[in-house]
Amino acid sequence: MSRTNRRNHRATADRERRVSVRGIRRDTPDFRKLGRTLLELARADAEARAQAQAQAQREPDAARDRGEEADDAA
C-alpha cells in the first residue's frame, strides 16, 4: 500500500480524544466557590438576555427606517 493511502493515526487520535473527569470527595463543599460560580452564571445570563432584547428592539427600528411594513400591520 502506498503512503498516500495510509491513515494518519496520530491525527485521528487527536480528533477522537476522550476526556475523563473525576470528582474529588470533600467533607464540605466550597460554598464560596459555588456562590461565585452561580453569580457569574447569573451575570452572563442577564447580559445575554439584555443583548437579545436590545437586538430585538433594534430590528423593528431598522425595518421602519428602510420603509418596510411590520408583519403585525397586516
N, C-alpha and C. Protein backbone atom coordinates (compact mmCIF):
# COMPACT_ATOMS: atom_id res chain seq x y z
N MET A 1 0.85 -1.16 0.00
CA MET A 1 0.00 0.00 0.00
C MET A 1 0.91 1.23 0.00
N SER A 2 0.57 2.19 -0.83
CA SER A 2 1.38 3.39 -0.89
C SER A 2 1.14 4.27 0.33
N ARG A 3 2.08 5.14 0.57
CA ARG A 3 1.98 6.02 1.74
C ARG A 3 0.78 6.97 1.63
N THR A 4 0.36 7.36 0.46
CA THR A 4 -0.75 8.30 0.31
C THR A 4 -2.07 7.69 0.71
N ASN A 5 -2.19 6.38 0.72
CA ASN A 5 -3.46 5.74 1.08
C ASN A 5 -3.53 5.34 2.55
N ARG A 6 -2.50 5.59 3.32
CA ARG A 6 -2.50 5.23 4.72
C ARG A 6 -3.14 6.33 5.54
N ARG A 7 -3.79 5.91 6.59
CA ARG A 7 -4.39 6.87 7.52
C ARG A 7 -3.33 7.38 8.48
N ASN A 8 -3.47 8.62 8.85
CA ASN A 8 -2.59 9.20 9.84
C ASN A 8 -3.21 8.95 11.21
N HIS A 9 -2.74 7.94 11.90
CA HIS A 9 -3.33 7.55 13.17
C HIS A 9 -3.13 8.60 14.25
N ARG A 10 -2.04 9.34 14.16
CA ARG A 10 -1.78 10.37 15.16
C ARG A 10 -2.84 11.48 15.05
N ALA A 11 -3.18 11.91 13.84
CA ALA A 11 -4.20 12.95 13.66
C ALA A 11 -5.56 12.43 14.09
N THR A 12 -5.86 11.17 13.81
CA THR A 12 -7.13 10.58 14.21
C THR A 12 -7.23 10.51 15.73
N ALA A 13 -6.14 10.18 16.38
CA ALA A 13 -6.14 10.10 17.84
C ALA A 13 -6.40 11.47 18.45
N ASP A 14 -5.88 12.53 17.86
CA ASP A 14 -6.10 13.87 18.38
C ASP A 14 -7.57 14.27 18.25
N ARG A 15 -8.21 13.95 17.15
CA ARG A 15 -9.61 14.32 16.94
C ARG A 15 -10.55 13.51 17.83
N GLU A 16 -10.19 12.30 18.15
CA GLU A 16 -11.07 11.42 18.91
C GLU A 16 -10.63 11.32 20.37
N ARG A 17 -10.09 12.38 20.88
CA ARG A 17 -9.61 12.40 22.25
C ARG A 17 -10.78 12.27 23.22
N ARG A 18 -10.63 11.48 24.21
CA ARG A 18 -11.67 11.30 25.21
C ARG A 18 -11.19 11.91 26.52
N VAL A 19 -12.08 12.60 27.17
CA VAL A 19 -11.75 13.27 28.41
C VAL A 19 -12.54 12.62 29.54
N SER A 20 -11.86 12.35 30.62
CA SER A 20 -12.50 11.77 31.79
C SER A 20 -12.32 12.73 32.96
N VAL A 21 -13.41 13.02 33.64
CA VAL A 21 -13.37 13.92 34.79
C VAL A 21 -13.83 13.16 36.01
N ARG A 22 -13.06 13.26 37.06
CA ARG A 22 -13.41 12.58 38.30
C ARG A 22 -13.48 13.61 39.42
N GLY A 23 -14.50 13.51 40.20
CA GLY A 23 -14.67 14.44 41.30
C GLY A 23 -13.80 14.07 42.49
N ILE A 24 -13.46 15.07 43.26
CA ILE A 24 -12.72 14.85 44.49
C ILE A 24 -13.72 14.95 45.63
N ARG A 25 -13.78 13.92 46.41
CA ARG A 25 -14.74 13.90 47.51
C ARG A 25 -14.18 14.68 48.69
N ARG A 26 -14.93 15.68 49.10
CA ARG A 26 -14.51 16.50 50.23
C ARG A 26 -15.56 16.41 51.33
N ASP A 27 -15.17 16.78 52.52
CA ASP A 27 -16.10 16.74 53.65
C ASP A 27 -17.23 17.74 53.46
N THR A 28 -16.89 18.99 53.16
CA THR A 28 -17.92 20.01 52.96
C THR A 28 -17.66 20.70 51.62
N PRO A 29 -18.70 21.05 50.91
CA PRO A 29 -18.50 21.74 49.65
C PRO A 29 -17.96 23.15 49.87
N ASP A 30 -17.26 23.67 48.89
CA ASP A 30 -16.71 25.02 48.96
C ASP A 30 -17.82 25.99 48.53
N PHE A 31 -18.61 26.45 49.51
CA PHE A 31 -19.76 27.30 49.20
C PHE A 31 -19.35 28.64 48.62
N ARG A 32 -18.22 29.14 49.00
CA ARG A 32 -17.76 30.41 48.44
C ARG A 32 -17.51 30.28 46.94
N LYS A 33 -16.84 29.21 46.56
CA LYS A 33 -16.55 28.98 45.14
C LYS A 33 -17.85 28.71 44.37
N LEU A 34 -18.74 27.93 44.95
CA LEU A 34 -20.02 27.66 44.31
C LEU A 34 -20.83 28.94 44.15
N GLY A 35 -20.83 29.80 45.17
CA GLY A 35 -21.55 31.06 45.11
C GLY A 35 -21.01 31.97 44.02
N ARG A 36 -19.68 32.07 43.93
CA ARG A 36 -19.08 32.91 42.88
C ARG A 36 -19.44 32.39 41.50
N THR A 37 -19.41 31.09 41.34
CA THR A 37 -19.75 30.49 40.05
C THR A 37 -21.20 30.76 39.70
N LEU A 38 -22.09 30.62 40.66
CA LEU A 38 -23.51 30.87 40.44
C LEU A 38 -23.76 32.33 40.06
N LEU A 39 -23.09 33.25 40.76
CA LEU A 39 -23.23 34.68 40.42
C LEU A 39 -22.72 34.98 39.02
N GLU A 40 -21.61 34.39 38.65
CA GLU A 40 -21.05 34.62 37.32
C GLU A 40 -21.98 34.07 36.23
N LEU A 41 -22.58 32.92 36.48
CA LEU A 41 -23.54 32.37 35.52
C LEU A 41 -24.77 33.26 35.41
N ALA A 42 -25.24 33.78 36.52
CA ALA A 42 -26.40 34.67 36.51
C ALA A 42 -26.08 35.96 35.76
N ARG A 43 -24.88 36.51 35.98
CA ARG A 43 -24.47 37.72 35.25
C ARG A 43 -24.41 37.47 33.75
N ALA A 44 -23.82 36.35 33.36
CA ALA A 44 -23.70 36.02 31.94
C ALA A 44 -25.08 35.84 31.31
N ASP A 45 -25.99 35.20 32.04
CA ASP A 45 -27.35 35.00 31.53
C ASP A 45 -28.07 36.34 31.37
N ALA A 46 -27.92 37.22 32.37
CA ALA A 46 -28.57 38.53 32.31
C ALA A 46 -28.01 39.35 31.15
N GLU A 47 -26.71 39.28 30.94
CA GLU A 47 -26.10 40.02 29.84
C GLU A 47 -26.57 39.50 28.49
N ALA A 48 -26.67 38.18 28.35
CA ALA A 48 -27.15 37.59 27.10
C ALA A 48 -28.59 38.00 26.83
N ARG A 49 -29.42 38.00 27.87
CA ARG A 49 -30.82 38.41 27.69
C ARG A 49 -30.93 39.88 27.32
N ALA A 50 -30.10 40.72 27.94
CA ALA A 50 -30.12 42.16 27.63
C ALA A 50 -29.67 42.40 26.18
N GLN A 51 -28.67 41.68 25.74
CA GLN A 51 -28.21 41.82 24.36
C GLN A 51 -29.28 41.36 23.37
N ALA A 52 -29.96 40.27 23.69
CA ALA A 52 -31.02 39.77 22.81
C ALA A 52 -32.18 40.76 22.76
N GLN A 53 -32.51 41.35 23.90
CA GLN A 53 -33.60 42.32 23.95
C GLN A 53 -33.22 43.58 23.17
N ALA A 54 -31.98 44.03 23.31
CA ALA A 54 -31.53 45.21 22.57
C ALA A 54 -31.53 44.94 21.07
N GLN A 55 -31.14 43.74 20.68
CA GLN A 55 -31.13 43.37 19.27
C GLN A 55 -32.56 43.33 18.73
N ALA A 56 -33.49 42.80 19.52
CA ALA A 56 -34.89 42.72 19.09
C ALA A 56 -35.50 44.12 18.94
N GLN A 57 -35.08 45.05 19.79
CA GLN A 57 -35.59 46.41 19.69
C GLN A 57 -35.00 47.14 18.49
N ARG A 58 -33.75 46.83 18.15
CA ARG A 58 -33.11 47.48 17.01
C ARG A 58 -33.67 47.01 15.68
N GLU A 59 -34.05 45.75 15.58
CA GLU A 59 -34.52 45.20 14.30
C GLU A 59 -35.79 45.88 13.80
N PRO A 60 -36.83 46.08 14.60
CA PRO A 60 -38.01 46.79 14.09
C PRO A 60 -37.69 48.24 13.71
N ASP A 61 -36.81 48.90 14.46
CA ASP A 61 -36.42 50.25 14.14
C ASP A 61 -35.71 50.30 12.79
N ALA A 62 -34.85 49.35 12.51
CA ALA A 62 -34.12 49.32 11.25
C ALA A 62 -35.08 49.05 10.09
N ALA A 63 -36.08 48.17 10.29
CA ALA A 63 -37.06 47.89 9.25
C ALA A 63 -37.89 49.13 8.96
N ARG A 64 -38.25 49.87 9.99
CA ARG A 64 -39.04 51.08 9.81
C ARG A 64 -38.22 52.14 9.06
N ASP A 65 -36.93 52.23 9.38
CA ASP A 65 -36.06 53.20 8.71
C ASP A 65 -35.90 52.88 7.23
N ARG A 66 -35.96 51.58 6.88
CA ARG A 66 -35.84 51.19 5.49
C ARG A 66 -37.17 51.32 4.75
N GLY A 67 -38.25 51.61 5.46
CA GLY A 67 -39.56 51.77 4.84
C GLY A 67 -40.35 50.49 4.73
N GLU A 68 -39.91 49.44 5.43
CA GLU A 68 -40.64 48.18 5.38
C GLU A 68 -41.78 48.20 6.38
N GLU A 69 -42.86 47.53 6.05
CA GLU A 69 -44.02 47.44 6.95
C GLU A 69 -43.77 46.31 7.94
N ALA A 70 -44.30 46.46 9.12
CA ALA A 70 -44.21 45.39 10.12
C ALA A 70 -45.22 44.30 9.78
N ASP A 71 -44.93 43.09 10.18
CA ASP A 71 -45.82 41.97 9.92
C ASP A 71 -47.13 42.11 10.68
N ASP A 72 -47.14 42.80 11.81
CA ASP A 72 -48.34 42.95 12.61
C ASP A 72 -49.37 43.87 11.96
N ALA A 73 -48.99 44.69 11.01
CA ALA A 73 -49.89 45.65 10.39
C ALA A 73 -50.87 44.98 9.44
N ALA A 74 -50.64 43.74 9.07
CA ALA A 74 -51.49 43.05 8.10
C ALA A 74 -52.79 42.65 8.67
